[in-house]
Amino acid sequence: MTDKRRLSILRGLSLFAVIGISVFIYSVRDQVEQFAGYGYPGVFIIALLSYATVLLPAPSLAVVFTIGGVFHPLGVALSASAGAAIGELSGYMAGFSGQAVVERMDIYNRIMPWIDKYGIFAIFVLAIIPNPFFDLAGIAAGVVRIPIKSFLLACWLGQFIKATVFAYAGAASINWFTLL
């Protein structure tokens, strides 16, 4: 089997896996929040599943905010950001498998040149900003073949900053309720 054929098979399997994971997680999205009762591992699982969906909304930051008021916010941020970074690999795999699915989307065409020009710095900045378009940044990172370790590190650092803000905001909001 030639390398080109092997790469085509790998791309096809990656795309199939991403679609399957996204459909499964979207179908059980109502049950995902039950993992919050498991503490830090539960937060990790919620973030992993939420960020593994590609272009389908799933809860995560609301859980980080809420659980940040129950557990130590830094632990919540570490767990959530690790799960989010690993979950974002599904978008990266979708980009690696081929961009034909999203290349006609206007927002993708705006993000792609930025990812191509700024690489992991763009991933880092986009991971910090709470937005529904980070999946497209992950797809673009896979398309331009940003090294997976660099992608994971930039994604984790950005997600960690974002999760820290939300977890500490959740912890601070608990005190508001005691004042009422």
N, C-alpha and C. Protein backbone atom coordinates (compact mmCIF):
# COMPACT_ATOMS: atom_id res chain seq x y z
N MET A 1 0.85 -1.17 0.00
CA MET A 1 0.00 0.00 0.00
C MET A 1 0.90 1.24 0.00
N THR A 2 0.58 2.17 -0.86
CA THR A 2 1.40 3.38 -0.97
C THR A 2 1.12 4.33 0.20
N ASP A 3 2.06 5.24 0.42
CA ASP A 3 1.89 6.22 1.50
C ASP A 3 0.69 7.12 1.23
N LYS A 4 0.47 7.45 -0.03
CA LYS A 4 -0.65 8.31 -0.38
C LYS A 4 -1.98 7.61 -0.07
N ARG A 5 -2.05 6.34 -0.38
CA ARG A 5 -3.26 5.56 -0.10
C ARG A 5 -3.48 5.43 1.41
N ARG A 6 -2.41 5.17 2.13
CA ARG A 6 -2.49 5.04 3.59
C ARG A 6 -2.97 6.35 4.21
N LEU A 7 -2.46 7.48 3.72
CA LEU A 7 -2.88 8.78 4.22
C LEU A 7 -4.36 9.04 3.91
N SER A 8 -4.81 8.64 2.74
CA SER A 8 -6.22 8.80 2.38
C SER A 8 -7.12 7.99 3.30
N ILE A 9 -6.70 6.78 3.61
CA ILE A 9 -7.48 5.93 4.52
C ILE A 9 -7.51 6.55 5.92
N LEU A 10 -6.36 7.04 6.39
CA LEU A 10 -6.28 7.67 7.70
C LEU A 10 -7.17 8.91 7.76
N ARG A 11 -7.16 9.70 6.71
CA ARG A 11 -8.02 10.89 6.66
C ARG A 11 -9.50 10.50 6.69
N GLY A 12 -9.86 9.50 5.93
CA GLY A 12 -11.26 9.05 5.92
C GLY A 12 -11.70 8.53 7.28
N LEU A 13 -10.86 7.74 7.92
CA LEU A 13 -11.18 7.23 9.26
C LEU A 13 -11.27 8.36 10.27
N SER A 14 -10.40 9.35 10.16
CA SER A 14 -10.44 10.50 11.07
C SER A 14 -11.75 11.26 10.92
N LEU A 15 -12.16 11.52 9.69
CA LEU A 15 -13.40 12.23 9.45
C LEU A 15 -14.59 11.43 9.97
N PHE A 16 -14.60 10.13 9.74
CA PHE A 16 -15.67 9.27 10.22
C PHE A 16 -15.73 9.30 11.75
N ALA A 17 -14.57 9.24 12.41
CA ALA A 17 -14.51 9.27 13.87
C ALA A 17 -15.04 10.60 14.41
N VAL A 18 -14.65 11.70 13.79
CA VAL A 18 -15.09 13.02 14.24
C VAL A 18 -16.61 13.15 14.12
N ILE A 19 -17.16 12.72 13.01
CA ILE A 19 -18.61 12.80 12.81
C ILE A 19 -19.32 11.91 13.83
N GLY A 20 -18.83 10.70 14.01
CA GLY A 20 -19.43 9.78 14.97
C GLY A 20 -19.39 10.31 16.39
N ILE A 21 -18.25 10.84 16.81
CA ILE A 21 -18.11 11.40 18.15
C ILE A 21 -19.05 12.58 18.34
N SER A 22 -19.12 13.46 17.36
CA SER A 22 -19.98 14.64 17.46
C SER A 22 -21.45 14.26 17.57
N VAL A 23 -21.89 13.33 16.75
CA VAL A 23 -23.30 12.91 16.78
C VAL A 23 -23.62 12.24 18.12
N PHE A 24 -22.72 11.38 18.59
CA PHE A 24 -22.96 10.70 19.87
C PHE A 24 -23.05 11.70 21.01
N ILE A 25 -22.09 12.60 21.11
CA ILE A 25 -22.08 13.56 22.21
C ILE A 25 -23.29 14.48 22.14
N TYR A 26 -23.65 14.90 20.94
CA TYR A 26 -24.82 15.75 20.80
C TYR A 26 -26.08 15.01 21.25
N SER A 27 -26.16 13.72 20.99
CA SER A 27 -27.35 12.95 21.36
C SER A 27 -27.46 12.73 22.86
N VAL A 28 -26.35 12.76 23.59
CA VAL A 28 -26.39 12.56 25.05
C VAL A 28 -26.08 13.85 25.82
N ARG A 29 -26.20 14.99 25.17
CA ARG A 29 -25.79 16.25 25.78
C ARG A 29 -26.54 16.55 27.07
N ASP A 30 -27.77 16.09 27.21
CA ASP A 30 -28.53 16.36 28.43
C ASP A 30 -27.98 15.58 29.63
N GLN A 31 -27.36 14.44 29.38
CA GLN A 31 -26.82 13.63 30.47
C GLN A 31 -25.39 14.02 30.84
N VAL A 32 -24.72 14.80 30.02
CA VAL A 32 -23.31 15.14 30.24
C VAL A 32 -23.11 15.87 31.56
N GLU A 33 -24.04 16.76 31.92
CA GLU A 33 -23.88 17.56 33.13
C GLU A 33 -23.90 16.71 34.41
N GLN A 34 -24.38 15.48 34.34
CA GLN A 34 -24.39 14.61 35.51
C GLN A 34 -22.98 14.26 35.99
N PHE A 35 -21.99 14.39 35.11
CA PHE A 35 -20.61 14.09 35.49
C PHE A 35 -20.05 15.10 36.49
N ALA A 36 -20.70 16.24 36.63
CA ALA A 36 -20.19 17.27 37.54
C ALA A 36 -20.11 16.76 38.98
N GLY A 37 -20.94 15.81 39.33
CA GLY A 37 -20.92 15.24 40.67
C GLY A 37 -19.67 14.43 40.97
N TYR A 38 -18.86 14.15 39.98
CA TYR A 38 -17.64 13.35 40.17
C TYR A 38 -16.42 14.22 40.45
N GLY A 39 -16.62 15.50 40.70
CA GLY A 39 -15.51 16.38 41.05
C GLY A 39 -14.64 16.72 39.85
N TYR A 40 -13.33 16.81 40.11
CA TYR A 40 -12.40 17.22 39.05
C TYR A 40 -12.41 16.27 37.85
N PRO A 41 -12.43 14.93 38.07
CA PRO A 41 -12.52 14.05 36.90
C PRO A 41 -13.82 14.27 36.11
N GLY A 42 -14.90 14.59 36.81
CA GLY A 42 -16.16 14.88 36.13
C GLY A 42 -16.07 16.14 35.28
N VAL A 43 -15.41 17.16 35.82
CA VAL A 43 -15.20 18.40 35.06
C VAL A 43 -14.36 18.12 33.82
N PHE A 44 -13.32 17.30 33.98
CA PHE A 44 -12.48 16.90 32.84
C PHE A 44 -13.32 16.22 31.77
N ILE A 45 -14.16 15.27 32.17
CA ILE A 45 -14.99 14.52 31.21
C ILE A 45 -15.99 15.45 30.52
N ILE A 46 -16.62 16.34 31.28
CA ILE A 46 -17.57 17.28 30.69
C ILE A 46 -16.88 18.15 29.64
N ALA A 47 -15.72 18.68 29.99
CA ALA A 47 -14.99 19.53 29.04
C ALA A 47 -14.55 18.73 27.82
N LEU A 48 -14.03 17.54 28.05
CA LEU A 48 -13.60 16.68 26.94
C LEU A 48 -14.75 16.42 25.98
N LEU A 49 -15.88 16.02 26.51
CA LEU A 49 -17.03 15.73 25.65
C LEU A 49 -17.59 16.99 24.99
N SER A 50 -17.63 18.08 25.73
CA SER A 50 -18.16 19.33 25.17
C SER A 50 -17.32 19.84 24.02
N TYR A 51 -16.01 19.77 24.17
CA TYR A 51 -15.12 20.30 23.14
C TYR A 51 -14.84 19.29 22.03
N ALA A 52 -15.23 18.05 22.22
CA ALA A 52 -15.03 17.05 21.17
C ALA A 52 -16.10 17.15 20.08
N THR A 53 -17.19 17.83 20.37
CA THR A 53 -18.20 18.02 19.32
C THR A 53 -17.68 19.06 18.34
N VAL A 54 -17.88 18.81 17.09
CA VAL A 54 -17.43 19.76 16.07
C VAL A 54 -18.65 20.48 15.52
N LEU A 55 -18.67 21.79 15.73
CA LEU A 55 -19.72 22.68 15.23
C LEU A 55 -21.10 22.41 15.84
N LEU A 56 -21.16 21.65 16.94
CA LEU A 56 -22.41 21.42 17.65
C LEU A 56 -22.24 21.94 19.07
N PRO A 57 -23.19 22.73 19.56
CA PRO A 57 -23.02 23.32 20.89
C PRO A 57 -23.18 22.28 22.00
N ALA A 58 -22.38 22.42 23.04
CA ALA A 58 -22.46 21.56 24.21
C ALA A 58 -22.04 22.37 25.43
N PRO A 59 -22.58 22.05 26.61
CA PRO A 59 -22.26 22.85 27.79
C PRO A 59 -20.83 22.62 28.26
N SER A 60 -20.20 23.64 28.75
CA SER A 60 -18.88 23.48 29.36
C SER A 60 -18.58 24.66 30.26
N LEU A 61 -18.58 25.85 29.72
CA LEU A 61 -18.23 27.02 30.52
C LEU A 61 -19.24 27.26 31.64
N ALA A 62 -20.50 26.94 31.41
CA ALA A 62 -21.50 27.08 32.47
C ALA A 62 -21.19 26.13 33.62
N VAL A 63 -20.74 24.93 33.27
CA VAL A 63 -20.37 23.95 34.29
C VAL A 63 -19.12 24.41 35.04
N VAL A 64 -18.14 24.94 34.31
CA VAL A 64 -16.91 25.44 34.94
C VAL A 64 -17.27 26.58 35.91
N PHE A 65 -18.14 27.47 35.50
CA PHE A 65 -18.58 28.58 36.35
C PHE A 65 -19.24 28.04 37.62
N THR A 66 -20.17 27.11 37.44
CA THR A 66 -20.92 26.57 38.58
C THR A 66 -20.03 25.77 39.52
N ILE A 67 -19.24 24.86 38.97
CA ILE A 67 -18.39 23.99 39.79
C ILE A 67 -17.26 24.79 40.43
N GLY A 68 -16.86 25.90 39.80
CA GLY A 68 -15.85 26.78 40.39
C GLY A 68 -16.28 27.33 41.73
N GLY A 69 -17.58 27.39 41.97
CA GLY A 69 -18.09 27.83 43.26
C GLY A 69 -18.17 26.73 44.29
N VAL A 70 -17.95 25.49 43.86
CA VAL A 70 -18.04 24.34 44.76
C VAL A 70 -16.65 23.80 45.10
N PHE A 71 -15.83 23.59 44.08
CA PHE A 71 -14.47 23.08 44.27
C PHE A 71 -13.48 24.23 44.11
N HIS A 72 -12.22 23.94 44.37
CA HIS A 72 -11.20 24.98 44.22
C HIS A 72 -11.15 25.41 42.75
N PRO A 73 -11.28 26.70 42.48
CA PRO A 73 -11.34 27.18 41.09
C PRO A 73 -10.12 26.81 40.24
N LEU A 74 -8.94 26.80 40.84
CA LEU A 74 -7.75 26.45 40.07
C LEU A 74 -7.78 24.98 39.64
N GLY A 75 -8.23 24.10 40.52
CA GLY A 75 -8.38 22.69 40.16
C GLY A 75 -9.41 22.49 39.07
N VAL A 76 -10.50 23.24 39.16
CA VAL A 76 -11.54 23.18 38.13
C VAL A 76 -10.97 23.64 36.80
N ALA A 77 -10.21 24.74 36.82
CA ALA A 77 -9.62 25.28 35.59
C ALA A 77 -8.63 24.30 34.98
N LEU A 78 -7.80 23.68 35.81
CA LEU A 78 -6.84 22.69 35.30
C LEU A 78 -7.55 21.50 34.66
N SER A 79 -8.57 20.98 35.35
CA SER A 79 -9.31 19.83 34.83
C SER A 79 -10.04 20.17 33.54
N ALA A 80 -10.72 21.32 33.54
CA ALA A 80 -11.50 21.72 32.37
C ALA A 80 -10.61 22.01 31.17
N SER A 81 -9.50 22.69 31.40
CA SER A 81 -8.63 23.05 30.27
C SER A 81 -7.94 21.83 29.68
N ALA A 82 -7.58 20.86 30.51
CA ALA A 82 -6.99 19.63 29.98
C ALA A 82 -8.01 18.87 29.14
N GLY A 83 -9.24 18.75 29.65
CA GLY A 83 -10.29 18.08 28.88
C GLY A 83 -10.62 18.81 27.60
N ALA A 84 -10.65 20.14 27.67
CA ALA A 84 -10.97 20.95 26.48
C ALA A 84 -9.90 20.79 25.41
N ALA A 85 -8.63 20.84 25.81
CA ALA A 85 -7.54 20.73 24.83
C ALA A 85 -7.58 19.37 24.14
N ILE A 86 -7.78 18.32 24.91
CA ILE A 86 -7.84 16.98 24.31
C ILE A 86 -9.09 16.86 23.43
N GLY A 87 -10.21 17.41 23.90
CA GLY A 87 -11.44 17.38 23.11
C GLY A 87 -11.32 18.11 21.79
N GLU A 88 -10.53 19.18 21.77
CA GLU A 88 -10.34 19.95 20.54
C GLU A 88 -9.58 19.18 19.46
N LEU A 89 -8.99 18.06 19.83
CA LEU A 89 -8.31 17.24 18.81
C LEU A 89 -9.28 16.75 17.75
N SER A 90 -10.58 16.68 18.08
CA SER A 90 -11.55 16.25 17.07
C SER A 90 -11.62 17.27 15.93
N GLY A 91 -11.58 18.55 16.25
CA GLY A 91 -11.54 19.58 15.21
C GLY A 91 -10.27 19.50 14.40
N TYR A 92 -9.15 19.30 15.10
CA TYR A 92 -7.86 19.16 14.43
C TYR A 92 -7.90 17.97 13.46
N MET A 93 -8.47 16.85 13.92
CA MET A 93 -8.58 15.66 13.06
C MET A 93 -9.47 15.93 11.86
N ALA A 94 -10.53 16.70 12.07
CA ALA A 94 -11.41 17.04 10.95
C ALA A 94 -10.65 17.84 9.91
N GLY A 95 -9.81 18.76 10.35
CA GLY A 95 -8.99 19.53 9.42
C GLY A 95 -7.95 18.68 8.74
N PHE A 96 -7.36 17.77 9.50
CA PHE A 96 -6.36 16.86 8.95
C PHE A 96 -6.98 15.97 7.87
N SER A 97 -8.24 15.58 8.10
CA SER A 97 -8.89 14.68 7.15
C SER A 97 -9.31 15.37 5.87
N GLY A 98 -9.37 16.68 5.88
CA GLY A 98 -9.74 17.42 4.68
C GLY A 98 -10.71 18.52 5.00
N GLN A 99 -10.49 19.68 4.43
CA GLN A 99 -11.29 20.84 4.77
C GLN A 99 -12.53 21.01 3.92
N ALA A 100 -12.85 20.09 3.05
CA ALA A 100 -13.96 20.26 2.11
C ALA A 100 -15.29 20.53 2.80
N VAL A 101 -15.48 20.01 4.01
CA VAL A 101 -16.75 20.17 4.70
C VAL A 101 -17.01 21.62 5.09
N VAL A 102 -15.98 22.35 5.51
CA VAL A 102 -16.18 23.71 6.02
C VAL A 102 -15.58 24.81 5.17
N GLU A 103 -14.86 24.45 4.12
CA GLU A 103 -14.13 25.48 3.38
C GLU A 103 -15.05 26.49 2.70
N ARG A 104 -16.33 26.19 2.57
CA ARG A 104 -17.26 27.14 1.95
C ARG A 104 -17.89 28.08 2.98
N MET A 105 -17.59 27.88 4.26
CA MET A 105 -18.14 28.76 5.30
C MET A 105 -17.34 30.06 5.35
N ASP A 106 -18.05 31.17 5.38
CA ASP A 106 -17.40 32.49 5.36
C ASP A 106 -16.47 32.67 6.56
N ILE A 107 -16.92 32.27 7.75
CA ILE A 107 -16.09 32.45 8.94
C ILE A 107 -14.81 31.63 8.86
N TYR A 108 -14.89 30.44 8.28
CA TYR A 108 -13.69 29.61 8.11
C TYR A 108 -12.70 30.33 7.20
N ASN A 109 -13.20 30.92 6.13
CA ASN A 109 -12.33 31.63 5.19
C ASN A 109 -11.69 32.87 5.82
N ARG A 110 -12.29 33.39 6.89
CA ARG A 110 -11.68 34.51 7.61
C ARG A 110 -10.62 34.02 8.61
N ILE A 111 -10.88 32.87 9.22
CA ILE A 111 -9.96 32.34 10.24
C ILE A 111 -8.73 31.70 9.60
N MET A 112 -8.92 31.02 8.50
CA MET A 112 -7.84 30.24 7.88
C MET A 112 -6.57 31.06 7.60
N PRO A 113 -6.66 32.23 6.98
CA PRO A 113 -5.43 33.00 6.75
C PRO A 113 -4.73 33.41 8.05
N TRP A 114 -5.51 33.67 9.08
CA TRP A 114 -4.93 34.07 10.36
C TRP A 114 -4.17 32.90 10.98
N ILE A 115 -4.75 31.70 10.91
CA ILE A 115 -4.09 30.50 11.43
C ILE A 115 -2.84 30.22 10.61
N ASP A 116 -2.96 30.36 9.30
CA ASP A 116 -1.82 30.10 8.41
C ASP A 116 -0.67 31.07 8.70
N LYS A 117 -1.00 32.33 8.99
CA LYS A 117 0.03 33.34 9.22
C LYS A 117 0.61 33.30 10.63
N TYR A 118 -0.24 33.19 11.64
CA TYR A 118 0.21 33.30 13.03
C TYR A 118 0.35 31.97 13.77
N GLY A 119 -0.15 30.89 13.20
CA GLY A 119 0.04 29.56 13.77
C GLY A 119 -0.45 29.39 15.19
N ILE A 120 0.44 28.90 16.07
CA ILE A 120 0.01 28.57 17.43
C ILE A 120 -0.37 29.81 18.24
N PHE A 121 0.17 30.97 17.90
CA PHE A 121 -0.25 32.19 18.60
C PHE A 121 -1.73 32.45 18.35
N ALA A 122 -2.18 32.24 17.13
CA ALA A 122 -3.60 32.40 16.80
C ALA A 122 -4.44 31.39 17.56
N ILE A 123 -3.97 30.16 17.65
CA ILE A 123 -4.69 29.12 18.40
C ILE A 123 -4.81 29.55 19.86
N PHE A 124 -3.71 30.02 20.44
CA PHE A 124 -3.70 30.47 21.83
C PHE A 124 -4.72 31.58 22.07
N VAL A 125 -4.70 32.61 21.23
CA VAL A 125 -5.61 33.75 21.40
C VAL A 125 -7.06 33.31 21.21
N LEU A 126 -7.33 32.53 20.18
CA LEU A 126 -8.71 32.09 19.94
C LEU A 126 -9.22 31.15 21.03
N ALA A 127 -8.32 30.41 21.68
CA ALA A 127 -8.73 29.53 22.77
C ALA A 127 -9.12 30.32 24.02
N ILE A 128 -8.55 31.49 24.19
CA ILE A 128 -8.88 32.33 25.35
C ILE A 128 -10.27 32.93 25.22
N ILE A 129 -10.63 33.31 24.02
CA ILE A 129 -11.89 34.01 23.78
C ILE A 129 -13.04 33.02 23.78
N PRO A 130 -14.06 33.25 24.63
CA PRO A 130 -15.24 32.36 24.59
C PRO A 130 -16.00 32.62 23.29
N ASN A 131 -15.90 31.70 22.36
CA ASN A 131 -16.60 31.85 21.08
C ASN A 131 -16.91 30.48 20.52
N PRO A 132 -17.95 30.39 19.73
CA PRO A 132 -18.32 29.09 19.17
C PRO A 132 -17.52 28.71 17.93
N PHE A 133 -16.57 29.54 17.52
CA PHE A 133 -15.86 29.30 16.28
C PHE A 133 -14.49 28.65 16.48
N PHE A 134 -14.16 28.29 17.71
CA PHE A 134 -12.84 27.71 17.91
C PHE A 134 -12.69 26.38 17.18
N ASP A 135 -13.79 25.66 16.99
CA ASP A 135 -13.72 24.42 16.20
C ASP A 135 -13.14 24.69 14.82
N LEU A 136 -13.52 25.82 14.24
CA LEU A 136 -13.00 26.17 12.92
C LEU A 136 -11.51 26.46 12.98
N ALA A 137 -11.05 27.04 14.09
CA ALA A 137 -9.61 27.28 14.26
C ALA A 137 -8.87 25.95 14.38
N GLY A 138 -9.47 25.00 15.10
CA GLY A 138 -8.87 23.67 15.21
C GLY A 138 -8.82 22.96 13.86
N ILE A 139 -9.89 23.11 13.10
CA ILE A 139 -9.92 22.53 11.76
C ILE A 139 -8.83 23.15 10.90
N ALA A 140 -8.72 24.49 10.96
CA ALA A 140 -7.69 25.18 10.18
C ALA A 140 -6.29 24.74 10.61
N ALA A 141 -6.09 24.53 11.91
CA ALA A 141 -4.78 24.06 12.40
C ALA A 141 -4.45 22.69 11.83
N GLY A 142 -5.45 21.83 11.71
CA GLY A 142 -5.23 20.52 11.10
C GLY A 142 -4.93 20.62 9.62
N VAL A 143 -5.61 21.56 8.95
CA VAL A 143 -5.39 21.75 7.51
C VAL A 143 -3.96 22.20 7.24
N VAL A 144 -3.47 23.18 8.02
CA VAL A 144 -2.12 23.70 7.77
C VAL A 144 -1.04 22.86 8.45
N ARG A 145 -1.46 21.80 9.11
CA ARG A 145 -0.55 20.83 9.74
C ARG A 145 0.32 21.45 10.83
N ILE A 146 -0.29 22.28 11.68
CA ILE A 146 0.43 22.73 12.87
C ILE A 146 0.77 21.47 13.65
N PRO A 147 2.00 21.34 14.13
CA PRO A 147 2.35 20.13 14.89
C PRO A 147 1.38 19.91 16.06
N ILE A 148 0.96 18.69 16.24
CA ILE A 148 -0.08 18.37 17.22
C ILE A 148 0.32 18.76 18.64
N LYS A 149 1.59 18.60 18.99
CA LYS A 149 2.04 18.99 20.34
C LYS A 149 1.93 20.50 20.52
N SER A 150 2.29 21.24 19.51
CA SER A 150 2.18 22.71 19.57
C SER A 150 0.72 23.13 19.66
N PHE A 151 -0.13 22.47 18.89
CA PHE A 151 -1.56 22.76 18.92
C PHE A 151 -2.12 22.51 20.32
N LEU A 152 -1.79 21.35 20.89
CA LEU A 152 -2.29 21.01 22.22
C LEU A 152 -1.82 22.00 23.28
N LEU A 153 -0.55 22.37 23.23
CA LEU A 153 -0.01 23.30 24.22
C LEU A 153 -0.68 24.67 24.12
N ALA A 154 -0.77 25.21 22.91
CA ALA A 154 -1.40 26.52 22.72
C ALA A 154 -2.87 26.48 23.11
N CYS A 155 -3.54 25.42 22.73
CA CYS A 155 -4.95 25.26 23.06
C CYS A 155 -5.13 25.15 24.57
N TRP A 156 -4.31 24.34 25.22
CA TRP A 156 -4.43 24.17 26.67
C TRP A 156 -4.17 25.47 27.41
N LEU A 157 -3.12 26.20 27.03
CA LEU A 157 -2.82 27.46 27.71
C LEU A 157 -3.97 28.46 27.58
N GLY A 158 -4.50 28.58 26.37
CA GLY A 158 -5.63 29.49 26.16
C GLY A 158 -6.87 29.05 26.92
N GLN A 159 -7.16 27.76 26.86
CA GLN A 159 -8.32 27.22 27.58
C GLN A 159 -8.15 27.38 29.09
N PHE A 160 -6.91 27.22 29.57
CA PHE A 160 -6.64 27.36 31.00
C PHE A 160 -6.94 28.79 31.47
N ILE A 161 -6.51 29.77 30.71
CA ILE A 161 -6.79 31.16 31.07
C ILE A 161 -8.30 31.40 31.11
N LYS A 162 -8.99 30.95 30.07
CA LYS A 162 -10.44 31.14 30.00
C LYS A 162 -11.15 30.42 31.15
N ALA A 163 -10.78 29.17 31.40
CA ALA A 163 -11.42 28.39 32.46
C ALA A 163 -11.13 28.98 33.84
N THR A 164 -9.93 29.52 34.01
CA THR A 164 -9.58 30.15 35.29
C THR A 164 -10.49 31.34 35.57
N VAL A 165 -10.70 32.16 34.56
CA VAL A 165 -11.58 33.33 34.71
C VAL A 165 -13.00 32.88 35.08
N PHE A 166 -13.52 31.89 34.37
CA PHE A 166 -14.89 31.43 34.63
C PHE A 166 -15.00 30.74 35.99
N ALA A 167 -14.02 29.93 36.36
CA ALA A 167 -14.07 29.22 37.64
C ALA A 167 -13.99 30.20 38.82
N TYR A 168 -13.09 31.17 38.73
CA TYR A 168 -12.99 32.15 39.80
C TYR A 168 -14.21 33.06 39.84
N ALA A 169 -14.80 33.36 38.70
CA ALA A 169 -16.04 34.14 38.67
C ALA A 169 -17.16 33.35 39.35
N GLY A 170 -17.20 32.06 39.11
CA GLY A 170 -18.19 31.21 39.78
C GLY A 170 -17.98 31.18 41.28
N ALA A 171 -16.72 31.09 41.70
CA ALA A 171 -16.41 31.08 43.13
C ALA A 171 -16.80 32.41 43.77
N ALA A 172 -16.54 33.50 43.08
CA ALA A 172 -16.89 34.82 43.62
C ALA A 172 -18.39 35.02 43.68
N SER A 173 -19.12 34.44 42.76
CA SER A 173 -20.57 34.63 42.73
C SER A 173 -21.26 33.93 43.89
N ILE A 174 -20.64 32.90 44.45
CA ILE A 174 -21.23 32.21 45.60
C ILE A 174 -21.39 33.20 46.76
N ASN A 175 -20.42 34.06 46.93
CA ASN A 175 -20.49 35.06 48.00
C ASN A 175 -21.63 36.05 47.79
N TRP A 176 -21.98 36.32 46.56
CA TRP A 176 -23.09 37.23 46.28
C TRP A 176 -24.39 36.68 46.85
N PHE A 177 -24.58 35.37 46.70
CA PHE A 177 -25.82 34.76 47.17
C PHE A 177 -25.92 34.76 48.69
N THR A 178 -24.78 34.70 49.38
CA THR A 178 -24.83 34.75 50.84
C THR A 178 -25.19 36.14 51.34
N LEU A 179 -24.97 37.15 50.53
CA LEU A 179 -25.31 38.52 50.92
C LEU A 179 -26.80 38.82 50.75
N LEU A 180 -27.49 38.01 49.99
CA LEU A 180 -28.93 38.26 49.74
C LEU A 180 -29.79 37.84 50.89
